[in-house]
Amino acid sequence: MTFIGSYLTISMGEYFIVVDENDRIIGKALRSECHSNPKLIHRGIYAIPVNSRGQILLQKRSMNKDTNPGRWEIVGGHNKPGETYEKAAIREIKEELGVKVGVRKIGKMRFKSRRESEIDEIFLCRIQDATKIKFNKKEISSVKFYEPKEVLKMVRTKRRSFSSWAAFVLEKHAGKIKTT
């Protein structure tokens, strides 16, 4: 057993919070189990980073990622045991983009695929100074800001260039972001 940060990992992996259909915690399971069994509903977050002009920051996933390598994505991740959705969002933004920002909840969604099921809260975060972004090169190969209308067009015309989860989130929320 080893400790990474403030949560326990055993042998190969991290634990995710497992919940029922109503988002009540019923246990925990290894990441590998959650990502291969759609009956294990687990918690996650997505955060849509925007700059002061309302442009959305998209990130290209590293080719080394186990899911959706090389696809466009927004900040996403999973709650650690004992972690709220909001704290998970703030942590993931810091880990992926190297910036500490506040977040505002803008939605909650249920995702289900052949491989997995998640309940995710969706957040918006404002990055006032884009020069402060220091993205995690192990997870992300590049980042770029786009107008919300352009993001929606990209999702509709080049859907397979996005992770499926990010495409769902952006379809539902990108049009609500105000540009200046």
N, C-alpha and C. Protein backbone atom coordinates (compact mmCIF):
# COMPACT_ATOMS: atom_id res chain seq x y z
N MET A 1 0.84 -1.18 0.00
CA MET A 1 0.00 0.00 0.00
C MET A 1 0.88 1.24 0.00
N THR A 2 0.43 2.25 -0.72
CA THR A 2 1.14 3.52 -0.72
C THR A 2 0.13 4.65 -0.61
N PHE A 3 0.57 5.78 -0.10
CA PHE A 3 -0.27 6.95 -0.05
C PHE A 3 0.20 7.93 -1.11
N ILE A 4 -0.74 8.43 -1.89
CA ILE A 4 -0.44 9.46 -2.88
C ILE A 4 -1.34 10.64 -2.52
N GLY A 5 -0.75 11.77 -2.26
CA GLY A 5 -1.53 12.91 -1.80
C GLY A 5 -2.19 12.51 -0.49
N SER A 6 -3.50 12.67 -0.41
CA SER A 6 -4.19 12.36 0.83
C SER A 6 -5.08 11.14 0.70
N TYR A 7 -4.93 10.35 -0.36
CA TYR A 7 -5.80 9.19 -0.46
C TYR A 7 -5.02 7.93 -0.78
N LEU A 8 -5.59 6.83 -0.40
CA LEU A 8 -4.94 5.54 -0.45
C LEU A 8 -5.01 4.93 -1.84
N THR A 9 -3.90 4.38 -2.29
CA THR A 9 -3.91 3.57 -3.50
C THR A 9 -3.34 2.21 -3.14
N ILE A 10 -3.87 1.20 -3.75
CA ILE A 10 -3.39 -0.15 -3.51
C ILE A 10 -2.95 -0.72 -4.84
N SER A 11 -1.77 -1.29 -4.85
CA SER A 11 -1.14 -1.87 -6.04
C SER A 11 -1.32 -0.97 -7.23
N MET A 12 -2.25 -1.29 -8.15
CA MET A 12 -2.33 -0.63 -9.44
C MET A 12 -3.17 0.61 -9.49
N GLY A 13 -3.77 1.04 -8.44
CA GLY A 13 -4.62 2.13 -8.81
C GLY A 13 -5.29 2.92 -7.75
N GLU A 14 -5.97 3.90 -8.27
CA GLU A 14 -6.70 4.81 -7.42
C GLU A 14 -8.13 4.32 -7.27
N TYR A 15 -8.73 4.71 -6.17
CA TYR A 15 -10.12 4.37 -5.90
C TYR A 15 -11.04 5.50 -6.30
N PHE A 16 -12.20 5.15 -6.85
CA PHE A 16 -13.26 6.10 -7.19
C PHE A 16 -14.43 5.88 -6.24
N ILE A 17 -15.21 6.93 -6.03
CA ILE A 17 -16.43 6.85 -5.24
C ILE A 17 -17.50 6.20 -6.12
N VAL A 18 -18.14 5.15 -5.61
CA VAL A 18 -19.23 4.48 -6.31
C VAL A 18 -20.54 4.92 -5.67
N VAL A 19 -21.51 5.26 -6.53
CA VAL A 19 -22.80 5.79 -6.06
C VAL A 19 -23.95 5.01 -6.69
N ASP A 20 -25.15 5.22 -6.12
CA ASP A 20 -26.34 4.63 -6.73
C ASP A 20 -26.92 5.62 -7.76
N GLU A 21 -28.06 5.27 -8.34
CA GLU A 21 -28.70 6.11 -9.37
C GLU A 21 -29.03 7.53 -8.87
N ASN A 22 -29.17 7.68 -7.54
CA ASN A 22 -29.51 8.97 -6.95
C ASN A 22 -28.29 9.69 -6.39
N ASP A 23 -27.11 9.24 -6.76
CA ASP A 23 -25.85 9.86 -6.36
C ASP A 23 -25.57 9.73 -4.87
N ARG A 24 -26.10 8.68 -4.24
CA ARG A 24 -25.78 8.39 -2.85
C ARG A 24 -24.59 7.43 -2.83
N ILE A 25 -23.60 7.74 -2.00
CA ILE A 25 -22.39 6.91 -1.92
C ILE A 25 -22.74 5.53 -1.39
N ILE A 26 -22.27 4.50 -2.13
CA ILE A 26 -22.50 3.12 -1.69
C ILE A 26 -21.19 2.36 -1.54
N GLY A 27 -20.07 2.99 -1.89
CA GLY A 27 -18.78 2.31 -1.74
C GLY A 27 -17.71 2.95 -2.57
N LYS A 28 -16.70 2.14 -2.85
CA LYS A 28 -15.60 2.60 -3.69
C LYS A 28 -15.11 1.41 -4.50
N ALA A 29 -14.45 1.70 -5.62
CA ALA A 29 -13.90 0.65 -6.48
C ALA A 29 -12.68 1.20 -7.19
N LEU A 30 -11.83 0.30 -7.62
CA LEU A 30 -10.64 0.71 -8.36
C LEU A 30 -11.02 1.35 -9.69
N ARG A 31 -10.20 2.29 -10.13
CA ARG A 31 -10.38 2.95 -11.42
C ARG A 31 -10.59 1.93 -12.54
N SER A 32 -9.74 0.91 -12.57
CA SER A 32 -9.83 -0.11 -13.62
C SER A 32 -11.17 -0.83 -13.60
N GLU A 33 -11.73 -1.05 -12.42
CA GLU A 33 -13.04 -1.70 -12.32
C GLU A 33 -14.14 -0.76 -12.81
N CYS A 34 -14.08 0.50 -12.39
CA CYS A 34 -15.09 1.48 -12.79
C CYS A 34 -15.08 1.73 -14.29
N HIS A 35 -13.91 1.68 -14.90
CA HIS A 35 -13.80 1.95 -16.34
C HIS A 35 -14.02 0.71 -17.19
N SER A 36 -14.44 -0.38 -16.56
CA SER A 36 -14.74 -1.59 -17.34
C SER A 36 -16.06 -2.24 -16.94
N ASN A 37 -16.83 -1.56 -16.06
CA ASN A 37 -18.09 -2.12 -15.60
C ASN A 37 -19.13 -1.01 -15.49
N PRO A 38 -20.06 -0.92 -16.45
CA PRO A 38 -21.04 0.17 -16.41
C PRO A 38 -22.02 0.09 -15.24
N LYS A 39 -22.01 -1.00 -14.50
CA LYS A 39 -22.86 -1.09 -13.31
C LYS A 39 -22.28 -0.31 -12.13
N LEU A 40 -20.99 0.00 -12.20
CA LEU A 40 -20.34 0.77 -11.13
C LEU A 40 -20.41 2.26 -11.48
N ILE A 41 -21.47 2.91 -11.04
CA ILE A 41 -21.63 4.35 -11.29
C ILE A 41 -20.66 5.09 -10.36
N HIS A 42 -19.83 5.92 -10.94
CA HIS A 42 -18.85 6.64 -10.13
C HIS A 42 -18.93 8.14 -10.40
N ARG A 43 -18.42 8.91 -9.44
CA ARG A 43 -18.49 10.36 -9.52
C ARG A 43 -17.33 10.95 -10.29
N GLY A 44 -17.64 12.02 -11.02
CA GLY A 44 -16.62 12.75 -11.74
C GLY A 44 -17.00 14.20 -11.90
N ILE A 45 -16.11 14.96 -12.47
CA ILE A 45 -16.36 16.39 -12.71
C ILE A 45 -15.87 16.76 -14.10
N TYR A 46 -16.46 17.79 -14.63
CA TYR A 46 -15.94 18.48 -15.81
C TYR A 46 -15.95 19.96 -15.50
N ALA A 47 -14.93 20.65 -15.93
CA ALA A 47 -14.85 22.10 -15.76
C ALA A 47 -14.54 22.72 -17.12
N ILE A 48 -15.32 23.72 -17.46
CA ILE A 48 -15.11 24.45 -18.71
C ILE A 48 -14.36 25.73 -18.37
N PRO A 49 -13.06 25.76 -18.71
CA PRO A 49 -12.29 26.98 -18.45
C PRO A 49 -12.56 28.03 -19.53
N VAL A 50 -12.77 29.26 -19.11
CA VAL A 50 -12.96 30.35 -20.05
C VAL A 50 -12.05 31.51 -19.66
N ASN A 51 -11.66 32.30 -20.66
CA ASN A 51 -10.84 33.48 -20.38
C ASN A 51 -11.75 34.69 -20.18
N SER A 52 -11.16 35.85 -19.99
CA SER A 52 -11.94 37.06 -19.71
C SER A 52 -12.82 37.48 -20.89
N ARG A 53 -12.54 36.96 -22.08
CA ARG A 53 -13.37 37.26 -23.27
C ARG A 53 -14.45 36.21 -23.50
N GLY A 54 -14.52 35.21 -22.61
CA GLY A 54 -15.54 34.18 -22.74
C GLY A 54 -15.16 33.05 -23.67
N GLN A 55 -13.91 33.02 -24.12
CA GLN A 55 -13.46 31.93 -24.98
C GLN A 55 -13.19 30.69 -24.14
N ILE A 56 -13.49 29.54 -24.71
CA ILE A 56 -13.33 28.26 -24.03
C ILE A 56 -11.95 27.68 -24.30
N LEU A 57 -11.31 27.21 -23.23
CA LEU A 57 -10.01 26.56 -23.37
C LEU A 57 -10.24 25.07 -23.63
N LEU A 58 -9.78 24.62 -24.79
CA LEU A 58 -9.78 23.19 -25.10
C LEU A 58 -8.37 22.66 -24.92
N GLN A 59 -8.28 21.43 -24.51
CA GLN A 59 -6.97 20.80 -24.35
C GLN A 59 -6.94 19.50 -25.15
N LYS A 60 -5.85 19.29 -25.80
CA LYS A 60 -5.62 18.06 -26.58
C LYS A 60 -5.00 17.04 -25.63
N ARG A 61 -5.68 15.89 -25.48
CA ARG A 61 -5.19 14.86 -24.57
C ARG A 61 -3.89 14.25 -25.08
N SER A 62 -3.03 13.91 -24.16
CA SER A 62 -1.77 13.26 -24.50
C SER A 62 -2.04 11.92 -25.17
N MET A 63 -1.15 11.53 -26.05
CA MET A 63 -1.27 10.21 -26.70
C MET A 63 -0.97 9.09 -25.70
N ASN A 64 -0.48 9.42 -24.51
CA ASN A 64 -0.18 8.42 -23.48
C ASN A 64 -1.36 8.11 -22.58
N LYS A 65 -2.49 8.82 -22.74
CA LYS A 65 -3.65 8.60 -21.88
C LYS A 65 -4.31 7.26 -22.20
N ASP A 66 -4.89 6.63 -21.16
CA ASP A 66 -5.53 5.32 -21.36
C ASP A 66 -6.89 5.43 -22.03
N THR A 67 -7.53 6.59 -21.96
CA THR A 67 -8.80 6.79 -22.65
C THR A 67 -8.71 8.05 -23.52
N ASN A 68 -9.27 7.99 -24.69
CA ASN A 68 -9.36 9.12 -25.62
C ASN A 68 -8.04 9.82 -25.92
N PRO A 69 -6.96 9.08 -26.18
CA PRO A 69 -5.69 9.75 -26.48
C PRO A 69 -5.80 10.60 -27.75
N GLY A 70 -5.19 11.79 -27.71
CA GLY A 70 -5.14 12.67 -28.88
C GLY A 70 -6.43 13.40 -29.19
N ARG A 71 -7.43 13.29 -28.35
CA ARG A 71 -8.71 13.96 -28.61
C ARG A 71 -8.82 15.25 -27.81
N TRP A 72 -9.68 16.15 -28.30
CA TRP A 72 -9.94 17.40 -27.59
C TRP A 72 -10.76 17.10 -26.35
N GLU A 73 -10.52 17.89 -25.32
CA GLU A 73 -11.12 17.65 -24.02
C GLU A 73 -11.23 18.97 -23.26
N ILE A 74 -12.01 18.96 -22.20
CA ILE A 74 -12.01 20.04 -21.22
C ILE A 74 -11.49 19.42 -19.93
N VAL A 75 -11.31 20.21 -18.89
CA VAL A 75 -10.81 19.67 -17.64
C VAL A 75 -11.80 18.62 -17.13
N GLY A 76 -11.29 17.47 -16.78
CA GLY A 76 -12.15 16.42 -16.26
C GLY A 76 -11.40 15.51 -15.33
N GLY A 77 -12.13 14.84 -14.50
CA GLY A 77 -11.51 13.90 -13.58
C GLY A 77 -12.54 13.27 -12.67
N HIS A 78 -12.05 12.62 -11.66
CA HIS A 78 -12.91 11.87 -10.74
C HIS A 78 -12.69 12.34 -9.32
N ASN A 79 -13.74 12.22 -8.53
CA ASN A 79 -13.67 12.55 -7.11
C ASN A 79 -12.88 11.48 -6.38
N LYS A 80 -12.02 11.93 -5.49
CA LYS A 80 -11.34 11.02 -4.59
C LYS A 80 -12.29 10.70 -3.44
N PRO A 81 -12.13 9.55 -2.79
CA PRO A 81 -12.98 9.26 -1.62
C PRO A 81 -12.92 10.41 -0.61
N GLY A 82 -14.10 10.86 -0.17
CA GLY A 82 -14.20 11.95 0.79
C GLY A 82 -14.18 13.34 0.18
N GLU A 83 -14.04 13.45 -1.12
CA GLU A 83 -13.90 14.75 -1.79
C GLU A 83 -15.22 15.18 -2.41
N THR A 84 -15.60 16.45 -2.20
CA THR A 84 -16.81 16.99 -2.82
C THR A 84 -16.56 17.21 -4.31
N TYR A 85 -17.65 17.38 -5.05
CA TYR A 85 -17.52 17.69 -6.48
C TYR A 85 -16.72 18.98 -6.67
N GLU A 86 -17.05 20.01 -5.90
CA GLU A 86 -16.37 21.30 -6.06
C GLU A 86 -14.87 21.18 -5.79
N LYS A 87 -14.50 20.51 -4.71
CA LYS A 87 -13.08 20.34 -4.40
C LYS A 87 -12.38 19.52 -5.48
N ALA A 88 -13.07 18.52 -6.02
CA ALA A 88 -12.48 17.72 -7.10
C ALA A 88 -12.23 18.61 -8.33
N ALA A 89 -13.17 19.49 -8.65
CA ALA A 89 -13.01 20.38 -9.80
C ALA A 89 -11.82 21.32 -9.61
N ILE A 90 -11.72 21.92 -8.45
CA ILE A 90 -10.61 22.84 -8.17
C ILE A 90 -9.27 22.09 -8.25
N ARG A 91 -9.22 20.88 -7.70
CA ARG A 91 -7.99 20.07 -7.73
C ARG A 91 -7.62 19.70 -9.16
N GLU A 92 -8.60 19.24 -9.94
CA GLU A 92 -8.32 18.83 -11.33
C GLU A 92 -7.83 20.01 -12.17
N ILE A 93 -8.41 21.18 -11.99
CA ILE A 93 -7.95 22.37 -12.74
C ILE A 93 -6.50 22.67 -12.39
N LYS A 94 -6.19 22.60 -11.10
CA LYS A 94 -4.80 22.85 -10.67
C LYS A 94 -3.85 21.80 -11.24
N GLU A 95 -4.26 20.51 -11.20
CA GLU A 95 -3.41 19.44 -11.71
C GLU A 95 -3.20 19.54 -13.22
N GLU A 96 -4.26 19.85 -13.96
CA GLU A 96 -4.17 19.84 -15.42
C GLU A 96 -3.64 21.13 -16.01
N LEU A 97 -4.01 22.27 -15.42
CA LEU A 97 -3.64 23.56 -16.01
C LEU A 97 -2.68 24.38 -15.16
N GLY A 98 -2.41 23.93 -13.94
CA GLY A 98 -1.45 24.62 -13.10
C GLY A 98 -1.93 25.94 -12.53
N VAL A 99 -3.24 26.18 -12.53
CA VAL A 99 -3.78 27.42 -11.98
C VAL A 99 -4.80 27.10 -10.90
N LYS A 100 -4.84 27.97 -9.89
CA LYS A 100 -5.84 27.83 -8.83
C LYS A 100 -6.92 28.87 -9.09
N VAL A 101 -8.14 28.39 -9.29
CA VAL A 101 -9.27 29.27 -9.58
C VAL A 101 -10.49 28.78 -8.81
N GLY A 102 -11.45 29.67 -8.67
CA GLY A 102 -12.74 29.28 -8.13
C GLY A 102 -13.59 28.67 -9.23
N VAL A 103 -14.65 27.99 -8.86
CA VAL A 103 -15.54 27.36 -9.82
C VAL A 103 -16.99 27.69 -9.49
N ARG A 104 -17.83 27.60 -10.51
CA ARG A 104 -19.27 27.78 -10.34
C ARG A 104 -19.97 26.61 -11.00
N LYS A 105 -20.81 25.92 -10.24
CA LYS A 105 -21.55 24.78 -10.79
C LYS A 105 -22.57 25.27 -11.80
N ILE A 106 -22.58 24.62 -12.98
CA ILE A 106 -23.55 24.99 -14.02
C ILE A 106 -24.42 23.81 -14.45
N GLY A 107 -24.18 22.63 -13.89
CA GLY A 107 -25.02 21.50 -14.26
C GLY A 107 -24.57 20.20 -13.63
N LYS A 108 -25.38 19.19 -13.87
CA LYS A 108 -25.07 17.83 -13.42
C LYS A 108 -25.61 16.89 -14.49
N MET A 109 -24.81 15.90 -14.85
CA MET A 109 -25.19 15.01 -15.95
C MET A 109 -24.86 13.56 -15.60
N ARG A 110 -25.60 12.67 -16.19
CA ARG A 110 -25.31 11.23 -16.07
C ARG A 110 -24.82 10.75 -17.42
N PHE A 111 -23.70 10.05 -17.42
CA PHE A 111 -23.13 9.48 -18.64
C PHE A 111 -23.11 7.98 -18.50
N LYS A 112 -23.42 7.30 -19.60
CA LYS A 112 -23.34 5.85 -19.59
C LYS A 112 -22.87 5.39 -20.97
N SER A 113 -21.91 4.49 -20.95
CA SER A 113 -21.42 3.88 -22.19
C SER A 113 -21.34 2.38 -21.98
N ARG A 114 -20.86 1.68 -22.99
CA ARG A 114 -20.68 0.23 -22.86
C ARG A 114 -19.68 -0.10 -21.75
N ARG A 115 -18.73 0.81 -21.53
CA ARG A 115 -17.64 0.55 -20.59
C ARG A 115 -17.88 1.07 -19.18
N GLU A 116 -18.59 2.20 -19.05
CA GLU A 116 -18.65 2.83 -17.74
C GLU A 116 -19.89 3.70 -17.58
N SER A 117 -20.17 4.07 -16.32
CA SER A 117 -21.26 4.99 -15.97
C SER A 117 -20.73 6.00 -14.97
N GLU A 118 -21.08 7.26 -15.19
CA GLU A 118 -20.65 8.33 -14.29
C GLU A 118 -21.80 9.27 -14.00
N ILE A 119 -21.75 9.87 -12.83
CA ILE A 119 -22.55 11.05 -12.52
C ILE A 119 -21.53 12.17 -12.33
N ASP A 120 -21.65 13.20 -13.16
CA ASP A 120 -20.68 14.29 -13.16
C ASP A 120 -21.35 15.62 -12.88
N GLU A 121 -20.70 16.42 -12.06
CA GLU A 121 -21.11 17.81 -11.93
C GLU A 121 -20.24 18.62 -12.88
N ILE A 122 -20.87 19.63 -13.49
CA ILE A 122 -20.21 20.46 -14.49
C ILE A 122 -19.98 21.85 -13.89
N PHE A 123 -18.77 22.37 -14.07
CA PHE A 123 -18.40 23.66 -13.50
C PHE A 123 -17.86 24.58 -14.59
N LEU A 124 -17.96 25.86 -14.32
CA LEU A 124 -17.34 26.90 -15.14
C LEU A 124 -16.26 27.54 -14.29
N CYS A 125 -15.12 27.82 -14.90
CA CYS A 125 -14.06 28.54 -14.18
C CYS A 125 -13.49 29.61 -15.09
N ARG A 126 -13.19 30.76 -14.52
CA ARG A 126 -12.61 31.87 -15.27
C ARG A 126 -11.12 31.93 -15.02
N ILE A 127 -10.37 31.93 -16.09
CA ILE A 127 -8.92 32.08 -16.01
C ILE A 127 -8.62 33.51 -16.46
N GLN A 128 -8.31 34.36 -15.50
CA GLN A 128 -8.10 35.78 -15.80
C GLN A 128 -6.80 36.04 -16.55
N ASP A 129 -5.78 35.26 -16.26
CA ASP A 129 -4.48 35.48 -16.88
C ASP A 129 -3.99 34.18 -17.53
N ALA A 130 -4.20 34.07 -18.83
CA ALA A 130 -3.84 32.84 -19.56
C ALA A 130 -2.35 32.56 -19.53
N THR A 131 -1.53 33.59 -19.27
CA THR A 131 -0.08 33.35 -19.22
C THR A 131 0.31 32.50 -18.00
N LYS A 132 -0.59 32.37 -17.04
CA LYS A 132 -0.32 31.59 -15.83
C LYS A 132 -0.56 30.08 -16.07
N ILE A 133 -1.17 29.73 -17.18
CA ILE A 133 -1.46 28.31 -17.45
C ILE A 133 -0.15 27.56 -17.69
N LYS A 134 0.03 26.53 -16.92
CA LYS A 134 1.19 25.63 -17.05
C LYS A 134 0.62 24.21 -17.11
N PHE A 135 0.18 23.81 -18.30
CA PHE A 135 -0.53 22.54 -18.40
C PHE A 135 0.38 21.34 -18.17
N ASN A 136 -0.23 20.29 -17.67
CA ASN A 136 0.46 19.05 -17.33
C ASN A 136 0.77 18.29 -18.61
N LYS A 137 2.03 18.26 -19.01
CA LYS A 137 2.43 17.66 -20.30
C LYS A 137 2.30 16.14 -20.30
N LYS A 138 2.12 15.53 -19.14
CA LYS A 138 1.87 14.07 -19.10
C LYS A 138 0.43 13.77 -19.51
N GLU A 139 -0.46 14.74 -19.28
CA GLU A 139 -1.87 14.54 -19.58
C GLU A 139 -2.32 15.27 -20.83
N ILE A 140 -1.66 16.39 -21.15
CA ILE A 140 -2.13 17.29 -22.21
C ILE A 140 -0.98 17.59 -23.16
N SER A 141 -1.25 17.53 -24.47
CA SER A 141 -0.20 17.86 -25.43
C SER A 141 -0.25 19.32 -25.87
N SER A 142 -1.45 19.94 -25.85
CA SER A 142 -1.56 21.36 -26.21
C SER A 142 -2.89 21.92 -25.70
N VAL A 143 -2.97 23.25 -25.62
CA VAL A 143 -4.20 23.93 -25.23
C VAL A 143 -4.42 25.11 -26.17
N LYS A 144 -5.72 25.46 -26.35
CA LYS A 144 -6.04 26.61 -27.21
C LYS A 144 -7.42 27.14 -26.85
N PHE A 145 -7.57 28.48 -26.86
CA PHE A 145 -8.86 29.11 -26.62
C PHE A 145 -9.65 29.23 -27.93
N TYR A 146 -10.96 28.98 -27.84
CA TYR A 146 -11.87 29.09 -28.99
C TYR A 146 -13.15 29.82 -28.55
N GLU A 147 -13.76 30.52 -29.50
CA GLU A 147 -15.07 31.12 -29.26
C GLU A 147 -16.08 29.99 -29.04
N PRO A 148 -17.07 30.18 -28.15
CA PRO A 148 -18.06 29.13 -27.90
C PRO A 148 -18.76 28.63 -29.17
N LYS A 149 -19.10 29.54 -30.08
CA LYS A 149 -19.77 29.12 -31.33
C LYS A 149 -18.86 28.22 -32.15
N GLU A 150 -17.56 28.52 -32.15
CA GLU A 150 -16.60 27.70 -32.88
C GLU A 150 -16.48 26.32 -32.25
N VAL A 151 -16.50 26.27 -30.91
CA VAL A 151 -16.45 24.98 -30.21
C VAL A 151 -17.66 24.14 -30.58
N LEU A 152 -18.84 24.74 -30.57
CA LEU A 152 -20.05 24.00 -30.93
C LEU A 152 -19.98 23.48 -32.36
N LYS A 153 -19.47 24.30 -33.27
CA LYS A 153 -19.32 23.86 -34.65
C LYS A 153 -18.34 22.70 -34.75
N MET A 154 -17.24 22.78 -34.02
CA MET A 154 -16.25 21.70 -34.02
C MET A 154 -16.87 20.40 -33.48
N VAL A 155 -17.64 20.50 -32.40
CA VAL A 155 -18.28 19.31 -31.83
C VAL A 155 -19.23 18.68 -32.84
N ARG A 156 -19.97 19.51 -33.56
CA ARG A 156 -20.95 19.00 -34.52
C ARG A 156 -20.31 18.43 -35.78
N THR A 157 -19.21 19.02 -36.23
CA THR A 157 -18.62 18.60 -37.51
C THR A 157 -17.42 17.66 -37.36
N LYS A 158 -16.80 17.68 -36.21
CA LYS A 158 -15.61 16.84 -35.97
C LYS A 158 -15.74 16.11 -34.64
N ARG A 159 -16.91 15.55 -34.39
CA ARG A 159 -17.22 14.95 -33.09
C ARG A 159 -16.19 13.92 -32.64
N ARG A 160 -15.68 13.13 -33.56
CA ARG A 160 -14.74 12.07 -33.19
C ARG A 160 -13.37 12.62 -32.78
N SER A 161 -13.16 13.93 -32.97
CA SER A 161 -11.90 14.51 -32.50
C SER A 161 -12.00 14.95 -31.03
N PHE A 162 -13.18 14.75 -30.41
CA PHE A 162 -13.42 15.06 -29.00
C PHE A 162 -13.65 13.78 -28.22
N SER A 163 -13.32 13.79 -26.93
CA SER A 163 -13.76 12.68 -26.10
C SER A 163 -15.28 12.72 -26.08
N SER A 164 -15.92 11.58 -25.98
CA SER A 164 -17.38 11.55 -26.03
C SER A 164 -17.99 12.34 -24.88
N TRP A 165 -17.37 12.26 -23.69
CA TRP A 165 -17.91 12.99 -22.54
C TRP A 165 -17.82 14.50 -22.79
N ALA A 166 -16.67 14.96 -23.25
CA ALA A 166 -16.50 16.40 -23.50
C ALA A 166 -17.49 16.89 -24.55
N ALA A 167 -17.73 16.09 -25.58
CA ALA A 167 -18.69 16.48 -26.61
C ALA A 167 -20.08 16.67 -26.00
N PHE A 168 -20.51 15.75 -25.14
CA PHE A 168 -21.81 15.89 -24.47
C PHE A 168 -21.89 17.15 -23.63
N VAL A 169 -20.86 17.38 -22.82
CA VAL A 169 -20.85 18.55 -21.93
C VAL A 169 -20.87 19.84 -22.75
N LEU A 170 -20.01 19.91 -23.76
CA LEU A 170 -19.92 21.13 -24.56
C LEU A 170 -21.20 21.39 -25.35
N GLU A 171 -21.83 20.35 -25.88
CA GLU A 171 -23.10 20.54 -26.59
C GLU A 171 -24.14 21.19 -25.69
N LYS A 172 -24.17 20.76 -24.46
CA LYS A 172 -25.18 21.25 -23.52
C LYS A 172 -24.85 22.63 -22.96
N HIS A 173 -23.57 22.94 -22.76
CA HIS A 173 -23.22 24.15 -22.01
C HIS A 173 -22.45 25.22 -22.77
N ALA A 174 -21.78 24.93 -23.87
CA ALA A 174 -20.95 25.93 -24.55
C ALA A 174 -21.77 27.12 -25.04
N GLY A 175 -22.98 26.88 -25.48
CA GLY A 175 -23.82 27.97 -26.00
C GLY A 175 -24.28 28.95 -24.95
N LYS A 176 -24.15 28.58 -23.67
CA LYS A 176 -24.58 29.43 -22.57
C LYS A 176 -23.50 30.42 -22.12
N ILE A 177 -22.29 30.23 -22.61
CA ILE A 177 -21.17 31.06 -22.17
C ILE A 177 -21.21 32.40 -22.91
N LYS A 178 -21.15 33.45 -22.14
CA LYS A 178 -21.22 34.81 -22.70
C LYS A 178 -19.82 35.26 -23.12
N THR A 179 -19.71 35.77 -24.33
CA THR A 179 -18.45 36.36 -24.78
C THR A 179 -18.54 37.87 -24.62
N THR A 180 -17.37 38.50 -24.49
CA THR A 180 -17.38 39.97 -24.30
C THR A 180 -16.96 40.67 -25.56
